[in-house]
Amino acid sequence: MATRSDPLLRTAYLLTHDWGLAEDLFQEALTKAWFAWPRVDEPEPYVRRILVTTL
């Protein structure tokens, strides 16, 4: 996830239009993904979906 964090953070920004809220949303999405990590086949689309559904 370290290599894909910038694009995911930009996605969060596009959803919120605020960098502070985007960072909070991104952290919340990563936290939610952490609990499901053993079941996740493709992490980036999974986290992106969490971003959209969490907002």
Protein backbone atom coordinates (compact mmCIF):
# COMPACT_ATOMS: atom_id res chain seq x y z
CA MET A 1 0.00 0.00 0.00
CA ALA A 2 2.92 2.35 0.52
CA THR A 3 3.43 2.73 -3.22
CA ARG A 4 -0.27 3.39 -3.86
CA SER A 5 -1.02 5.72 -0.96
CA ASP A 6 -0.62 8.94 -2.99
CA PRO A 7 -3.20 8.00 -5.65
CA LEU A 8 -5.61 6.79 -2.97
CA LEU A 9 -5.16 9.99 -0.99
CA ARG A 10 -5.86 12.00 -4.14
CA THR A 11 -9.04 9.96 -4.60
CA ALA A 12 -10.05 10.84 -1.06
CA TYR A 13 -9.37 14.51 -1.83
CA LEU A 14 -11.55 14.35 -4.95
CA LEU A 15 -14.34 12.96 -2.78
CA THR A 16 -14.02 15.53 0.01
CA HIS A 17 -12.44 18.64 -1.62
CA ASP A 18 -10.47 19.17 1.60
CA TRP A 19 -6.99 17.81 2.34
CA GLY A 20 -7.62 17.43 6.07
CA LEU A 21 -10.84 15.50 5.55
CA ALA A 22 -9.17 13.48 2.80
CA GLU A 23 -6.40 12.39 5.16
CA ASP A 24 -8.95 11.41 7.81
CA LEU A 25 -11.02 9.48 5.28
CA PHE A 26 -7.91 7.72 3.95
CA GLN A 27 -6.81 6.70 7.45
CA GLU A 28 -10.29 5.40 8.25
CA ALA A 29 -10.34 3.41 5.00
CA LEU A 30 -6.94 1.86 5.77
CA THR A 31 -8.12 0.96 9.26
CA LYS A 32 -11.20 -0.77 7.88
CA ALA A 33 -9.11 -2.56 5.26
CA TRP A 34 -6.68 -3.80 7.90
CA PHE A 35 -9.36 -5.95 9.52
CA ALA A 36 -10.27 -7.56 6.20
CA TRP A 37 -6.70 -7.82 4.88
CA PRO A 38 -6.43 -11.65 4.90
CA ARG A 39 -9.51 -11.85 2.64
CA VAL A 40 -8.45 -9.09 0.21
CA ASP A 41 -7.09 -10.19 -3.16
CA GLU A 42 -6.51 -6.75 -4.67
CA PRO A 43 -5.91 -4.09 -2.00
CA GLU A 44 -6.09 -0.89 -4.05
CA PRO A 45 -9.61 -1.37 -5.48
CA TYR A 46 -10.77 -2.61 -2.09
CA VAL A 47 -9.50 0.51 -0.29
CA ARG A 48 -10.89 2.73 -3.05
CA ARG A 49 -14.33 1.18 -2.55
CA ILE A 50 -14.07 1.75 1.20
CA LEU A 51 -13.25 5.40 0.52
CA VAL A 52 -16.41 5.83 -1.51
CA THR A 53 -18.72 3.92 0.80
CA THR A 54 -17.35 5.51 3.98
CA LEU A 55 -17.94 9.02 2.75
